[in-house]
N, C-alpha and C. Protein backbone atom coordinates (compact mmCIF):
# COMPACT_ATOMS: atom_id res chain seq x y z
N UNK A 1 -4.82 -22.35 10.39
CA UNK A 1 -4.84 -22.14 8.94
C UNK A 1 -6.23 -21.64 8.53
N UNK A 2 -6.23 -20.61 7.70
CA UNK A 2 -7.49 -19.98 7.33
C UNK A 2 -8.38 -20.90 6.51
N UNK A 3 -7.77 -21.69 5.65
CA UNK A 3 -8.56 -22.61 4.83
C UNK A 3 -9.26 -23.66 5.69
N UNK A 4 -8.55 -24.15 6.71
CA UNK A 4 -9.16 -25.12 7.61
C UNK A 4 -10.31 -24.50 8.39
N UNK A 5 -10.13 -23.25 8.81
CA UNK A 5 -11.22 -22.57 9.52
C UNK A 5 -12.43 -22.43 8.62
N UNK A 6 -12.20 -22.12 7.36
CA UNK A 6 -13.30 -21.99 6.40
C UNK A 6 -14.01 -23.32 6.23
N UNK A 7 -13.23 -24.40 6.17
CA UNK A 7 -13.83 -25.74 6.03
C UNK A 7 -14.69 -26.07 7.25
N UNK A 8 -14.18 -25.73 8.43
CA UNK A 8 -14.95 -25.97 9.66
C UNK A 8 -16.24 -25.17 9.64
N UNK A 9 -16.17 -23.91 9.23
CA UNK A 9 -17.38 -23.09 9.17
C UNK A 9 -18.39 -23.68 8.21
N UNK A 10 -17.90 -24.16 7.05
CA UNK A 10 -18.80 -24.78 6.07
C UNK A 10 -19.44 -26.03 6.66
N UNK A 11 -18.64 -26.82 7.37
CA UNK A 11 -19.15 -28.05 7.97
C UNK A 11 -20.23 -27.74 9.00
N UNK A 12 -20.08 -26.61 9.70
CA UNK A 12 -21.07 -26.23 10.71
C UNK A 12 -22.24 -25.48 10.09
N UNK A 13 -22.21 -25.30 8.79
CA UNK A 13 -23.31 -24.63 8.12
C UNK A 13 -23.26 -23.12 8.22
N UNK A 14 -22.10 -22.59 8.59
CA UNK A 14 -21.97 -21.14 8.68
C UNK A 14 -21.52 -20.60 7.33
N UNK A 15 -22.32 -19.71 6.78
CA UNK A 15 -22.00 -19.16 5.47
C UNK A 15 -21.42 -17.77 5.65
N UNK A 16 -20.10 -17.67 5.57
CA UNK A 16 -19.43 -16.40 5.79
C UNK A 16 -19.01 -15.81 4.45
N UNK A 17 -19.35 -14.54 4.22
CA UNK A 17 -18.93 -13.87 2.99
C UNK A 17 -18.32 -12.52 3.34
N UNK A 18 -17.18 -12.21 2.75
CA UNK A 18 -16.60 -10.89 3.00
C UNK A 18 -17.47 -9.80 2.38
N UNK A 19 -17.53 -8.65 3.05
CA UNK A 19 -18.47 -7.61 2.65
C UNK A 19 -18.12 -6.99 1.29
N UNK A 20 -16.84 -6.72 1.05
CA UNK A 20 -16.48 -5.95 -0.14
C UNK A 20 -15.80 -6.79 -1.22
N UNK A 21 -15.90 -8.12 -1.08
CA UNK A 21 -15.25 -8.98 -2.07
C UNK A 21 -16.23 -10.00 -2.62
N UNK A 22 -16.01 -10.39 -3.85
CA UNK A 22 -16.81 -11.44 -4.48
C UNK A 22 -15.92 -12.65 -4.68
N UNK A 23 -16.47 -13.83 -4.44
CA UNK A 23 -15.70 -15.05 -4.65
C UNK A 23 -15.95 -15.55 -6.07
N UNK A 24 -14.87 -15.57 -6.86
CA UNK A 24 -14.97 -16.07 -8.23
C UNK A 24 -13.83 -17.05 -8.46
N UNK A 25 -14.14 -18.23 -8.90
CA UNK A 25 -13.13 -19.26 -9.17
C UNK A 25 -12.20 -19.45 -7.97
N UNK A 26 -12.79 -19.53 -6.78
CA UNK A 26 -12.03 -19.75 -5.54
C UNK A 26 -11.06 -18.61 -5.24
N UNK A 27 -11.31 -17.42 -5.83
CA UNK A 27 -10.50 -16.25 -5.53
C UNK A 27 -11.42 -15.13 -5.08
N UNK A 28 -10.93 -14.32 -4.14
CA UNK A 28 -11.71 -13.17 -3.70
C UNK A 28 -11.28 -11.94 -4.48
N UNK A 29 -12.23 -11.31 -5.16
CA UNK A 29 -11.95 -10.10 -5.93
C UNK A 29 -12.72 -8.94 -5.35
N UNK A 30 -12.06 -7.79 -5.27
CA UNK A 30 -12.70 -6.59 -4.75
C UNK A 30 -13.89 -6.22 -5.61
N UNK A 31 -15.02 -5.93 -4.93
CA UNK A 31 -16.31 -5.80 -5.60
C UNK A 31 -16.38 -4.62 -6.55
N UNK A 32 -15.64 -3.55 -6.29
CA UNK A 32 -15.96 -2.30 -6.96
C UNK A 32 -15.12 -2.03 -8.21
N UNK A 33 -13.86 -1.67 -8.11
CA UNK A 33 -13.08 -1.47 -9.32
C UNK A 33 -12.53 -2.82 -9.76
N UNK A 34 -13.13 -3.40 -10.74
CA UNK A 34 -12.73 -4.74 -11.16
C UNK A 34 -12.87 -4.86 -12.66
N UNK A 35 -11.84 -5.18 -13.37
CA UNK A 35 -10.45 -5.32 -12.90
C UNK A 35 -9.82 -3.96 -12.59
N UNK A 36 -8.61 -3.99 -12.03
CA UNK A 36 -7.96 -2.77 -11.55
C UNK A 36 -7.44 -1.95 -12.73
N UNK A 37 -8.36 -1.32 -13.46
CA UNK A 37 -7.93 -0.54 -14.63
C UNK A 37 -7.22 0.73 -14.19
N UNK A 38 -7.81 1.41 -13.22
CA UNK A 38 -7.31 2.73 -12.82
C UNK A 38 -6.89 2.66 -11.36
N UNK A 39 -5.60 2.65 -11.12
CA UNK A 39 -5.11 2.42 -9.76
C UNK A 39 -5.51 3.55 -8.82
N UNK A 40 -5.61 4.79 -9.33
CA UNK A 40 -6.00 5.90 -8.47
C UNK A 40 -7.45 5.74 -8.00
N UNK A 41 -8.33 5.37 -8.93
CA UNK A 41 -9.73 5.15 -8.57
C UNK A 41 -9.82 4.01 -7.56
N UNK A 42 -9.11 2.94 -7.82
CA UNK A 42 -9.12 1.78 -6.92
C UNK A 42 -8.65 2.19 -5.53
N UNK A 43 -7.57 2.96 -5.48
CA UNK A 43 -7.02 3.41 -4.20
C UNK A 43 -8.06 4.24 -3.45
N UNK A 44 -8.71 5.17 -4.14
CA UNK A 44 -9.72 6.01 -3.50
C UNK A 44 -10.87 5.17 -2.97
N UNK A 45 -11.31 4.19 -3.76
CA UNK A 45 -12.44 3.36 -3.33
C UNK A 45 -12.08 2.56 -2.09
N UNK A 46 -10.90 1.95 -2.10
CA UNK A 46 -10.49 1.15 -0.95
C UNK A 46 -10.36 2.04 0.28
N UNK A 47 -9.72 3.21 0.12
CA UNK A 47 -9.57 4.11 1.27
C UNK A 47 -10.92 4.55 1.81
N UNK A 48 -11.88 4.79 0.91
CA UNK A 48 -13.19 5.24 1.37
C UNK A 48 -13.87 4.16 2.21
N UNK A 49 -13.62 2.89 1.92
CA UNK A 49 -14.20 1.82 2.73
C UNK A 49 -13.43 1.64 4.03
N UNK A 50 -12.10 1.72 3.93
CA UNK A 50 -11.29 1.49 5.12
C UNK A 50 -11.55 2.59 6.15
N UNK A 51 -11.67 3.84 5.68
CA UNK A 51 -11.77 4.95 6.62
C UNK A 51 -13.20 5.42 6.84
N UNK A 52 -14.18 4.71 6.29
CA UNK A 52 -15.57 5.17 6.45
C UNK A 52 -16.12 4.78 7.82
N UNK A 53 -16.51 5.78 8.59
CA UNK A 53 -17.19 5.62 9.89
C UNK A 53 -16.60 4.51 10.76
N UNK A 54 -15.26 4.41 10.79
CA UNK A 54 -14.64 3.42 11.68
C UNK A 54 -14.07 4.07 12.93
N UNK A 55 -14.04 5.42 12.99
CA UNK A 55 -13.49 6.05 14.17
C UNK A 55 -14.45 5.87 15.33
N UNK A 56 -13.93 5.64 16.53
CA UNK A 56 -14.79 5.41 17.68
C UNK A 56 -15.68 6.61 17.95
N UNK A 57 -16.84 6.40 18.55
CA UNK A 57 -17.77 7.49 18.81
C UNK A 57 -17.15 8.45 19.81
N UNK A 58 -17.30 9.74 19.53
CA UNK A 58 -16.71 10.75 20.40
C UNK A 58 -15.24 10.97 20.13
N UNK A 59 -14.70 10.34 19.10
CA UNK A 59 -13.29 10.48 18.77
C UNK A 59 -12.97 11.91 18.36
N UNK A 60 -13.89 12.53 17.62
CA UNK A 60 -13.70 13.91 17.18
C UNK A 60 -14.49 14.86 18.06
N UNK A 61 -14.65 14.49 19.32
CA UNK A 61 -15.45 15.27 20.25
C UNK A 61 -14.76 16.60 20.54
N UNK A 62 -15.52 17.69 20.50
CA UNK A 62 -14.93 19.02 20.65
C UNK A 62 -14.70 19.38 22.11
N UNK A 63 -15.41 18.73 23.03
CA UNK A 63 -15.29 19.15 24.43
C UNK A 63 -14.11 18.50 25.15
N UNK A 64 -13.51 17.51 24.58
CA UNK A 64 -12.30 16.93 25.15
C UNK A 64 -12.55 16.18 26.45
N UNK A 65 -11.47 15.88 27.20
CA UNK A 65 -11.61 15.05 28.41
C UNK A 65 -12.06 15.87 29.61
N UNK A 66 -13.31 16.37 29.60
CA UNK A 66 -13.83 17.16 30.71
C UNK A 66 -15.00 16.44 31.37
N UNK A 67 -14.86 15.13 31.55
CA UNK A 67 -16.01 14.34 31.99
C UNK A 67 -16.29 14.53 33.48
N UNK A 68 -15.25 14.76 34.29
CA UNK A 68 -15.42 14.80 35.74
C UNK A 68 -15.25 16.22 36.27
N UNK A 69 -15.59 17.21 35.46
CA UNK A 69 -15.38 18.59 35.84
C UNK A 69 -16.18 18.97 37.08
N UNK A 70 -17.43 18.52 37.13
CA UNK A 70 -18.29 18.90 38.24
C UNK A 70 -17.81 18.32 39.57
N UNK A 71 -17.16 17.13 39.53
CA UNK A 71 -16.65 16.53 40.75
C UNK A 71 -15.53 17.38 41.35
N UNK A 72 -14.70 17.96 40.48
CA UNK A 72 -13.55 18.73 40.95
C UNK A 72 -13.96 20.08 41.53
N UNK A 73 -15.07 20.64 41.05
CA UNK A 73 -15.49 21.96 41.51
C UNK A 73 -16.33 21.89 42.78
N UNK A 74 -16.73 20.69 43.18
CA UNK A 74 -17.55 20.51 44.37
C UNK A 74 -16.72 20.78 45.64
N UNK A 75 -17.28 21.47 46.63
CA UNK A 75 -16.51 21.73 47.85
C UNK A 75 -17.26 21.27 49.10
């Protein structure tokens, strides 16, 4: 249970805070568009955080899977 895990963390003195949310009245609210006046703006903001620099390094690599090329050409 997530609440129990949070209680354990508090007991151990671990202060965990979510990066993009603020805790208000025991509720987590998204830090940026608050309240959700404009759903399009909110959607764009959330997407920009979800998709920002999360792709693995070399994911958009232009040279592709040519890592062992020199081994194959050796005779």
